[in-house]
């Protein structure tokens, strides 16, 4: 697909690091599968990956995590 940000690049399968912050909680997920623009580096996540990330973040928030770094594990 064409990149929606730079309008020049094409996306390719790759991995990215996603950092989420809410209140006192910071969650870093490494090796998250994404479509990544070969020009600007913008990352696009699919719906199932996004849902899994948000569920992981909610669990970390509920557990009172302050800082956590994980490698993404696809469901």
PDB file of N, CA and C in Angstrom:
ATOM      1  N   UNK A   1       0.839  -1.183   0.000  1.00  0.00           N
ATOM      2  CA  UNK A   1       0.000   0.000   0.000  1.00  0.00           C
ATOM      3  C   UNK A   1       0.880   1.240   0.000  1.00  0.00           C
ATOM      4  N   UNK A   2       0.375   2.337  -0.523  1.00  0.00           N
ATOM      5  CA  UNK A   2       1.095   3.604  -0.465  1.00  0.00           C
ATOM      6  C   UNK A   2       1.004   4.173   0.943  1.00  0.00           C
ATOM      7  N   UNK A   3       2.065   4.796   1.385  1.00  0.00           N
ATOM      8  CA  UNK A   3       2.100   5.413   2.712  1.00  0.00           C
ATOM      9  C   UNK A   3       1.154   6.608   2.745  1.00  0.00           C
ATOM     10  N   UNK A   4       0.342   6.675   3.791  1.00  0.00           N
ATOM     11  CA  UNK A   4      -0.601   7.777   3.936  1.00  0.00           C
ATOM     12  C   UNK A   4       0.071   9.045   4.448  1.00  0.00           C
ATOM     13  N   UNK A   5       1.252   8.909   5.023  1.00  0.00           N
ATOM     14  CA  UNK A   5       1.952  10.055   5.595  1.00  0.00           C
ATOM     15  C   UNK A   5       2.794  10.768   4.540  1.00  0.00           C
ATOM     16  N   UNK A   6       3.752  10.057   3.943  1.00  0.00           N
ATOM     17  CA  UNK A   6       4.657  10.711   2.983  1.00  0.00           C
ATOM     18  C   UNK A   6       4.133  10.676   1.552  1.00  0.00           C
ATOM     19  N   UNK A   7       3.166   9.809   1.282  1.00  0.00           N
ATOM     20  CA  UNK A   7       2.543   9.682  -0.042  1.00  0.00           C
ATOM     21  C   UNK A   7       3.501   9.210  -1.139  1.00  0.00           C
ATOM     22  N   UNK A   8       4.731   8.843  -0.757  1.00  0.00           N
ATOM     23  CA  UNK A   8       5.739   8.428  -1.737  1.00  0.00           C
ATOM     24  C   UNK A   8       6.094   6.960  -1.570  1.00  0.00           C
ATOM     25  N   UNK A   9       6.298   6.543  -0.337  1.00  0.00           N
ATOM     26  CA  UNK A   9       6.784   5.200  -0.062  1.00  0.00           C
ATOM     27  C   UNK A   9       5.737   4.118  -0.170  1.00  0.00           C
ATOM     28  N   UNK A  10       6.235   2.892  -0.238  1.00  0.00           N
ATOM     29  CA  UNK A  10       5.406   1.687  -0.221  1.00  0.00           C
ATOM     30  C   UNK A  10       5.661   0.971   1.097  1.00  0.00           C
ATOM     31  N   UNK A  11       4.625   0.374   1.648  1.00  0.00           N
ATOM     32  CA  UNK A  11       4.814  -0.357   2.898  1.00  0.00           C
ATOM     33  C   UNK A  11       5.283  -1.777   2.621  1.00  0.00           C
ATOM     34  N   UNK A  12       6.081  -2.284   3.559  1.00  0.00           N
ATOM     35  CA  UNK A  12       6.614  -3.635   3.483  1.00  0.00           C
ATOM     36  C   UNK A  12       6.495  -4.274   4.860  1.00  0.00           C
ATOM     37  N   UNK A  13       6.374  -5.602   4.927  1.00  0.00           N
ATOM     38  CA  UNK A  13       6.336  -6.249   6.232  1.00  0.00           C
ATOM     39  C   UNK A  13       7.633  -5.992   6.999  1.00  0.00           C
ATOM     40  N   UNK A  14       7.482  -5.740   8.294  1.00  0.00           N
ATOM     41  CA  UNK A  14       8.633  -5.518   9.159  1.00  0.00           C
ATOM     42  C   UNK A  14       8.203  -5.570  10.613  1.00  0.00           C
ATOM     43  N   UNK A  15       9.057  -5.092  11.493  1.00  0.00           N
ATOM     44  CA  UNK A  15       8.726  -5.022  12.913  1.00  0.00           C
ATOM     45  C   UNK A  15       9.095  -3.644  13.434  1.00  0.00           C
ATOM     46  N   UNK A  16       8.385  -3.232  14.501  1.00  0.00           N
ATOM     47  CA  UNK A  16       8.620  -1.931  15.119  1.00  0.00           C
ATOM     48  C   UNK A  16       8.563  -2.082  16.637  1.00  0.00           C
ATOM     49  N   UNK A  17       8.997  -1.043  17.321  1.00  0.00           N
ATOM     50  CA  UNK A  17       8.854  -0.960  18.769  1.00  0.00           C
ATOM     51  C   UNK A  17       7.725   0.018  19.056  1.00  0.00           C
ATOM     52  N   UNK A  18       6.788  -0.406  19.911  1.00  0.00           N
ATOM     53  CA  UNK A  18       5.638   0.420  20.274  1.00  0.00           C
ATOM     54  C   UNK A  18       5.792   0.810  21.742  1.00  0.00           C
ATOM     55  N   UNK A  19       5.699   2.101  22.028  1.00  0.00           N
ATOM     56  CA  UNK A  19       5.770   2.602  23.401  1.00  0.00           C
ATOM     57  C   UNK A  19       4.439   3.252  23.751  1.00  0.00           C
ATOM     58  N   UNK A  20       3.852   2.805  24.853  1.00  0.00           N
ATOM     59  CA  UNK A  20       2.575   3.346  25.319  1.00  0.00           C
ATOM     60  C   UNK A  20       2.757   3.909  26.721  1.00  0.00           C
ATOM     61  N   UNK A  21       2.163   5.063  26.968  1.00  0.00           N
ATOM     62  CA  UNK A  21       2.222   5.674  28.297  1.00  0.00           C
ATOM     63  C   UNK A  21       0.823   6.095  28.720  1.00  0.00           C
ATOM     64  N   UNK A  22       0.493   5.818  29.966  1.00  0.00           N
ATOM     65  CA  UNK A  22      -0.746   6.307  30.562  1.00  0.00           C
ATOM     66  C   UNK A  22      -0.484   6.487  32.044  1.00  0.00           C
ATOM     67  N   UNK A  23      -0.693   7.690  32.521  1.00  0.00           N
ATOM     68  CA  UNK A  23      -0.426   7.970  33.930  1.00  0.00           C
ATOM     69  C   UNK A  23       1.015   7.629  34.264  1.00  0.00           C
ATOM     70  N   UNK A  24       1.204   6.794  35.280  1.00  0.00           N
ATOM     71  CA  UNK A  24       2.545   6.407  35.722  1.00  0.00           C
ATOM     72  C   UNK A  24       3.046   5.143  35.023  1.00  0.00           C
ATOM     73  N   UNK A  25       2.261   4.592  34.100  1.00  0.00           N
ATOM     74  CA  UNK A  25       2.624   3.336  33.442  1.00  0.00           C
ATOM     75  C   UNK A  25       3.244   3.598  32.067  1.00  0.00           C
ATOM     76  N   UNK A  26       4.397   2.957  31.822  1.00  0.00           N
ATOM     77  CA  UNK A  26       5.041   2.979  30.507  1.00  0.00           C
ATOM     78  C   UNK A  26       5.252   1.536  30.081  1.00  0.00           C
ATOM     79  N   UNK A  27       4.756   1.184  28.914  1.00  0.00           N
ATOM     80  CA  UNK A  27       4.883  -0.159  28.375  1.00  0.00           C
ATOM     81  C   UNK A  27       5.586  -0.073  27.019  1.00  0.00           C
ATOM     82  N   UNK A  28       6.674  -0.829  26.873  1.00  0.00           N
ATOM     83  CA  UNK A  28       7.420  -0.875  25.620  1.00  0.00           C
ATOM     84  C   UNK A  28       7.305  -2.294  25.060  1.00  0.00           C
ATOM     85  N   UNK A  29       6.812  -2.409  23.841  1.00  0.00           N
ATOM     86  CA  UNK A  29       6.694  -3.701  23.163  1.00  0.00           C
ATOM     87  C   UNK A  29       7.624  -3.711  21.964  1.00  0.00           C
ATOM     88  N   UNK A  30       8.549  -4.656  21.956  1.00  0.00           N
ATOM     89  CA  UNK A  30       9.513  -4.770  20.857  1.00  0.00           C
ATOM     90  C   UNK A  30       9.071  -5.856  19.887  1.00  0.00           C
ATOM     91  N   UNK A  31       9.563  -5.776  18.674  1.00  0.00           N
ATOM     92  CA  UNK A  31       9.308  -6.771  17.619  1.00  0.00           C
ATOM     93  C   UNK A  31       7.826  -6.927  17.296  1.00  0.00           C
ATOM     94  N   UNK A  32       7.122  -5.816  17.222  1.00  0.00           N
ATOM     95  CA  UNK A  32       5.701  -5.835  16.872  1.00  0.00           C
ATOM     96  C   UNK A  32       5.590  -5.887  15.345  1.00  0.00           C
ATOM     97  N   UNK A  33       4.877  -6.869  14.798  1.00  0.00           N
ATOM     98  CA  UNK A  33       4.741  -6.956  13.340  1.00  0.00           C
ATOM     99  C   UNK A  33       3.927  -5.780  12.797  1.00  0.00           C
ATOM    100  N   UNK A  34       4.396  -5.214  11.695  1.00  0.00           N
ATOM    101  CA  UNK A  34       3.735  -4.048  11.108  1.00  0.00           C
ATOM    102  C   UNK A  34       4.068  -3.971   9.628  1.00  0.00           C
ATOM    103  N   UNK A  35       3.317  -3.148   8.935  1.00  0.00           N
ATOM    104  CA  UNK A  35       3.662  -2.747   7.579  1.00  0.00           C
ATOM    105  C   UNK A  35       4.398  -1.424   7.734  1.00  0.00           C
ATOM    106  N   UNK A  36       5.634  -1.350   7.247  1.00  0.00           N
ATOM    107  CA  UNK A  36       6.487  -0.186   7.482  1.00  0.00           C
ATOM    108  C   UNK A  36       6.829   0.484   6.143  1.00  0.00           C
ATOM    109  N   UNK A  37       6.667   1.795   6.101  1.00  0.00           N
ATOM    110  CA  UNK A  37       6.974   2.549   4.885  1.00  0.00           C
ATOM    111  C   UNK A  37       8.477   2.525   4.623  1.00  0.00           C
ATOM    112  N   UNK A  38       8.853   2.212   3.387  1.00  0.00           N
ATOM    113  CA  UNK A  38      10.271   2.149   3.037  1.00  0.00           C
ATOM    114  C   UNK A  38      10.875   3.527   2.806  1.00  0.00           C
ATOM    115  N   UNK A  39      10.061   4.579   2.844  1.00  0.00           N
ATOM    116  CA  UNK A  39      10.570   5.936   2.657  1.00  0.00           C
ATOM    117  C   UNK A  39      10.681   6.688   3.983  1.00  0.00           C
ATOM    118  N   UNK A  40       9.587   6.758   4.747  1.00  0.00           N
ATOM    119  CA  UNK A  40       9.580   7.574   5.969  1.00  0.00           C
ATOM    120  C   UNK A  40       9.583   6.766   7.258  1.00  0.00           C
ATOM    121  N   UNK A  41       9.331   5.453   7.166  1.00  0.00           N
ATOM    122  CA  UNK A  41       9.359   4.611   8.358  1.00  0.00           C
ATOM    123  C   UNK A  41       8.055   4.540   9.132  1.00  0.00           C
ATOM    124  N   UNK A  42       7.011   5.189   8.651  1.00  0.00           N
ATOM    125  CA  UNK A  42       5.713   5.123   9.316  1.00  0.00           C
ATOM    126  C   UNK A  42       5.256   3.667   9.389  1.00  0.00           C
ATOM    127  N   UNK A  43       4.709   3.274  10.553  1.00  0.00           N
ATOM    128  CA  UNK A  43       4.290   1.889  10.761  1.00  0.00           C
ATOM    129  C   UNK A  43       2.765   1.795  10.821  1.00  0.00           C
ATOM    130  N   UNK A  44       2.231   0.742  10.230  1.00  0.00           N
ATOM    131  CA  UNK A  44       0.801   0.472  10.232  1.00  0.00           C
ATOM    132  C   UNK A  44       0.582  -0.901  10.841  1.00  0.00           C
ATOM    133  N   UNK A  45      -0.247  -0.964  11.901  1.00  0.00           N
ATOM    134  CA  UNK A  45      -0.546  -2.214  12.578  1.00  0.00           C
ATOM    135  C   UNK A  45      -1.913  -2.712  12.137  1.00  0.00           C
ATOM    136  N   UNK A  46      -2.057  -4.038  12.049  1.00  0.00           N
ATOM    137  CA  UNK A  46      -3.371  -4.565  11.698  1.00  0.00           C
ATOM    138  C   UNK A  46      -4.263  -4.611  12.946  1.00  0.00           C
ATOM    139  N   UNK A  47      -5.528  -4.867  12.742  1.00  0.00           N
ATOM    140  CA  UNK A  47      -6.517  -4.807  13.816  1.00  0.00           C
ATOM    141  C   UNK A  47      -6.239  -5.812  14.933  1.00  0.00           C
ATOM    142  N   UNK A  48      -5.888  -7.037  14.594  1.00  0.00           N
ATOM    143  CA  UNK A  48      -5.652  -8.042  15.635  1.00  0.00           C
ATOM    144  C   UNK A  48      -4.422  -7.709  16.474  1.00  0.00           C
ATOM    145  N   UNK A  49      -3.376  -7.178  15.855  1.00  0.00           N
ATOM    146  CA  UNK A  49      -2.182  -6.772  16.594  1.00  0.00           C
ATOM    147  C   UNK A  49      -2.511  -5.610  17.522  1.00  0.00           C
ATOM    148  N   UNK A  50      -3.266  -4.641  17.013  1.00  0.00           N
ATOM    149  CA  UNK A  50      -3.651  -3.491  17.832  1.00  0.00           C
ATOM    150  C   UNK A  50      -4.492  -3.924  19.026  1.00  0.00           C
ATOM    151  N   UNK A  51      -5.435  -4.831  18.808  1.00  0.00           N
ATOM    152  CA  UNK A  51      -6.271  -5.333  19.899  1.00  0.00           C
ATOM    153  C   UNK A  51      -5.419  -6.016  20.954  1.00  0.00           C
ATOM    154  N   UNK A  52      -4.478  -6.832  20.525  1.00  0.00           N
ATOM    155  CA  UNK A  52      -3.604  -7.531  21.463  1.00  0.00           C
ATOM    156  C   UNK A  52      -2.742  -6.545  22.257  1.00  0.00           C
ATOM    157  N   UNK A  53      -2.225  -5.520  21.589  1.00  0.00           N
ATOM    158  CA  UNK A  53      -1.422  -4.502  22.276  1.00  0.00           C
ATOM    159  C   UNK A  53      -2.265  -3.775  23.316  1.00  0.00           C
ATOM    160  N   UNK A  54      -3.471  -3.395  22.955  1.00  0.00           N
ATOM    161  CA  UNK A  54      -4.328  -2.665  23.894  1.00  0.00           C
ATOM    162  C   UNK A  54      -4.725  -3.534  25.087  1.00  0.00           C
ATOM    163  N   UNK A  55      -4.961  -4.829  24.870  1.00  0.00           N
ATOM    164  CA  UNK A  55      -5.268  -5.750  25.971  1.00  0.00           C
ATOM    165  C   UNK A  55      -4.074  -5.888  26.900  1.00  0.00           C
ATOM    166  N   UNK A  56      -2.874  -5.986  26.334  1.00  0.00           N
ATOM    167  CA  UNK A  56      -1.644  -6.082  27.122  1.00  0.00           C
ATOM    168  C   UNK A  56      -1.447  -4.819  27.938  1.00  0.00           C
ATOM    169  N   UNK A  57      -1.692  -3.672  27.335  1.00  0.00           N
ATOM    170  CA  UNK A  57      -1.545  -2.398  28.035  1.00  0.00           C
ATOM    171  C   UNK A  57      -2.547  -2.273  29.177  1.00  0.00           C
ATOM    172  N   UNK A  58      -3.782  -2.689  28.949  1.00  0.00           N
ATOM    173  CA  UNK A  58      -4.797  -2.622  29.997  1.00  0.00           C
ATOM    174  C   UNK A  58      -4.422  -3.508  31.175  1.00  0.00           C
ATOM    175  N   UNK A  59      -3.901  -4.696  30.886  1.00  0.00           N
ATOM    176  CA  UNK A  59      -3.479  -5.608  31.957  1.00  0.00           C
ATOM    177  C   UNK A  59      -2.316  -5.017  32.755  1.00  0.00           C
ATOM    178  N   UNK A  60      -1.370  -4.384  32.076  1.00  0.00           N
ATOM    179  CA  UNK A  60      -0.235  -3.752  32.757  1.00  0.00           C
ATOM    180  C   UNK A  60      -0.716  -2.607  33.639  1.00  0.00           C
ATOM    181  N   UNK A  61      -1.637  -1.818  33.144  1.00  0.00           N
ATOM    182  CA  UNK A  61      -2.191  -0.706  33.907  1.00  0.00           C
ATOM    183  C   UNK A  61      -2.921  -1.218  35.146  1.00  0.00           C
ATOM    184  N   UNK A  62      -3.744  -2.254  34.970  1.00  0.00           N
ATOM    185  CA  UNK A  62      -4.489  -2.840  36.092  1.00  0.00           C
ATOM    186  C   UNK A  62      -3.560  -3.438  37.145  1.00  0.00           C
ATOM    187  N   UNK A  63      -2.394  -3.958  36.697  1.00  0.00           N
ATOM    188  CA  UNK A  63      -1.444  -4.582  37.624  1.00  0.00           C
ATOM    189  C   UNK A  63      -0.569  -3.541  38.325  1.00  0.00           C
ATOM    190  N   UNK A  64      -0.692  -2.275  37.946  1.00  0.00           N
ATOM    191  CA  UNK A  64       0.090  -1.230  38.584  1.00  0.00           C
ATOM    192  C   UNK A  64       1.529  -1.151  38.114  1.00  0.00           C
ATOM    193  N   UNK A  65       1.789  -1.661  36.916  1.00  0.00           N
ATOM    194  CA  UNK A  65       3.142  -1.627  36.363  1.00  0.00           C
ATOM    195  C   UNK A  65       3.565  -0.178  36.159  1.00  0.00           C
ATOM    196  N   UNK A  66       4.821   0.128  36.520  1.00  0.00           N
ATOM    197  CA  UNK A  66       5.340   1.466  36.245  1.00  0.00           C
ATOM    198  C   UNK A  66       6.079   1.489  34.916  1.00  0.00           C
ATOM    199  N   UNK A  67       7.041   0.565  34.739  1.00  0.00           N
ATOM    200  CA  UNK A  67       7.781   0.457  33.487  1.00  0.00           C
ATOM    201  C   UNK A  67       7.942  -1.023  33.166  1.00  0.00           C
ATOM    202  N   UNK A  68       7.608  -1.389  31.933  1.00  0.00           N
ATOM    203  CA  UNK A  68       7.773  -2.786  31.530  1.00  0.00           C
ATOM    204  C   UNK A  68       8.192  -2.815  30.064  1.00  0.00           C
ATOM    205  N   UNK A  69       9.163  -3.687  29.761  1.00  0.00           N
ATOM    206  CA  UNK A  69       9.628  -3.878  28.392  1.00  0.00           C
ATOM    207  C   UNK A  69       9.409  -5.343  28.057  1.00  0.00           C
ATOM    208  N   UNK A  70       8.697  -5.599  26.977  1.00  0.00           N
ATOM    209  CA  UNK A  70       8.386  -6.967  26.554  1.00  0.00           C
ATOM    210  C   UNK A  70       8.689  -7.144  25.080  1.00  0.00           C
ATOM    211  N   UNK A  71       8.909  -8.394  24.690  1.00  0.00           N
ATOM    212  CA  UNK A  71       8.945  -8.747  23.279  1.00  0.00           C
ATOM    213  C   UNK A  71       7.540  -9.194  22.919  1.00  0.00           C
ATOM    214  N   UNK A  72       6.994  -8.642  21.864  1.00  0.00           N
ATOM    215  CA  UNK A  72       5.631  -8.948  21.444  1.00  0.00           C
ATOM    216  C   UNK A  72       5.505 -10.426  21.110  1.00  0.00           C
ATOM    217  N   UNK A  73       4.472 -11.051  21.626  1.00  0.00           N
ATOM    218  CA  UNK A  73       4.177 -12.452  21.334  1.00  0.00           C
ATOM    219  C   UNK A  73       2.814 -12.510  20.667  1.00  0.00           C
ATOM    220  N   UNK A  74       2.784 -12.858  19.399  1.00  0.00           N
ATOM    221  CA  UNK A  74       1.519 -12.946  18.674  1.00  0.00           C
ATOM    222  C   UNK A  74       0.648 -14.037  19.280  1.00  0.00           C
ATOM    223  N   UNK A  75      -0.638 -13.766  19.357  1.00  0.00           N
ATOM    224  CA  UNK A  75      -1.586 -14.722  19.950  1.00  0.00           C
ATOM    225  C   UNK A  75      -1.826 -15.895  19.024  1.00  0.00           C
TER     226      UNK A  75
END
